[in-house]
Amino acid sequence: MELDKVRKLTAGELMKEIAKTESDVVHLRSEVAMHRVKNIQALASAKKYLSRLLTIKREQAIIKTIN
């Protein structure tokens, strides 16, 4: 999902996306460990996307406290 769209998500939708991405990271990590994944870069991409989601969540929390 594009980051512009992610920033427009509600808090609940953002948490669902974070949970989904976390489970994807866990799944990919186990697949890499068992040598079943041909595209190892998929794990790195999923971890980066998770980091971006968590950053957006933190940004929204900061904005809430300021207002």
Protein backbone atom coordinates (compact mmCIF):
# COMPACT_ATOMS: atom_id res chain seq x y z
CA MET A 1 0.00 0.00 0.00
CA GLU A 2 1.28 3.48 -0.80
CA LEU A 3 2.30 5.64 2.13
CA ASP A 4 -0.13 8.42 1.20
CA LYS A 5 -2.98 5.94 1.55
CA VAL A 6 -1.54 4.56 4.79
CA ARG A 7 -1.43 8.04 6.34
CA LYS A 8 -5.15 8.41 5.64
CA LEU A 9 -6.07 5.18 7.46
CA THR A 10 -7.85 5.29 10.79
CA ALA A 11 -6.05 4.06 13.90
CA GLY A 12 -7.86 0.71 13.80
CA GLU A 13 -7.13 0.13 10.13
CA LEU A 14 -3.48 1.07 10.71
CA MET A 15 -3.23 -1.45 13.55
CA LYS A 16 -4.70 -4.16 11.30
CA GLU A 17 -2.14 -3.35 8.60
CA ILE A 18 0.67 -3.47 11.18
CA ALA A 19 -0.53 -6.85 12.51
CA LYS A 20 -0.79 -8.23 8.98
CA THR A 21 2.70 -7.03 8.11
CA GLU A 22 4.15 -8.43 11.34
CA SER A 23 2.70 -11.84 10.54
CA ASP A 24 4.11 -11.58 7.01
CA VAL A 25 7.57 -10.84 8.45
CA VAL A 26 7.37 -13.83 10.78
CA HIS A 27 6.23 -16.08 7.94
CA LEU A 28 8.94 -14.86 5.58
CA ARG A 29 11.59 -15.21 8.28
CA SER A 30 10.64 -18.86 8.80
CA GLU A 31 10.54 -19.48 5.05
CA VAL A 32 14.02 -17.99 4.64
CA ALA A 33 15.31 -20.13 7.52
CA MET A 34 13.98 -23.25 5.82
CA HIS A 35 15.45 -22.15 2.45
CA ARG A 36 12.04 -22.11 0.75
CA VAL A 37 12.10 -18.49 -0.42
CA LYS A 38 13.67 -17.66 -3.74
CA ASN A 39 13.31 -13.91 -3.24
CA ILE A 40 15.17 -13.15 -0.01
CA GLN A 41 14.68 -9.42 -0.63
CA ALA A 42 10.99 -9.89 0.17
CA LEU A 43 11.86 -10.21 3.86
CA ALA A 44 13.87 -6.99 3.82
CA SER A 45 11.07 -5.18 2.00
CA ALA A 46 8.48 -6.40 4.50
CA LYS A 47 10.63 -5.25 7.41
CA LYS A 48 11.08 -1.81 5.85
CA TYR A 49 7.35 -1.51 5.24
CA LEU A 50 6.68 -2.49 8.87
CA SER A 51 9.10 0.20 10.02
CA ARG A 52 7.32 2.77 7.90
CA LEU A 53 3.96 1.74 9.33
CA LEU A 54 5.24 2.03 12.89
CA THR A 55 6.71 5.44 12.09
CA ILE A 56 3.37 6.65 10.75
CA LYS A 57 1.66 5.33 13.88
CA ARG A 58 4.14 7.27 16.02
CA GLU A 59 3.64 10.42 13.93
CA GLN A 60 -0.11 10.20 14.45
CA ALA A 61 0.35 9.75 18.21
CA ILE A 62 2.59 12.82 18.37
CA ILE A 63 0.12 14.89 16.37
CA LYS A 64 -2.67 13.80 18.73
CA THR A 65 -0.74 14.93 21.81
CA ILE A 66 0.07 18.30 20.23
CA ASN A 67 -3.56 19.04 19.36
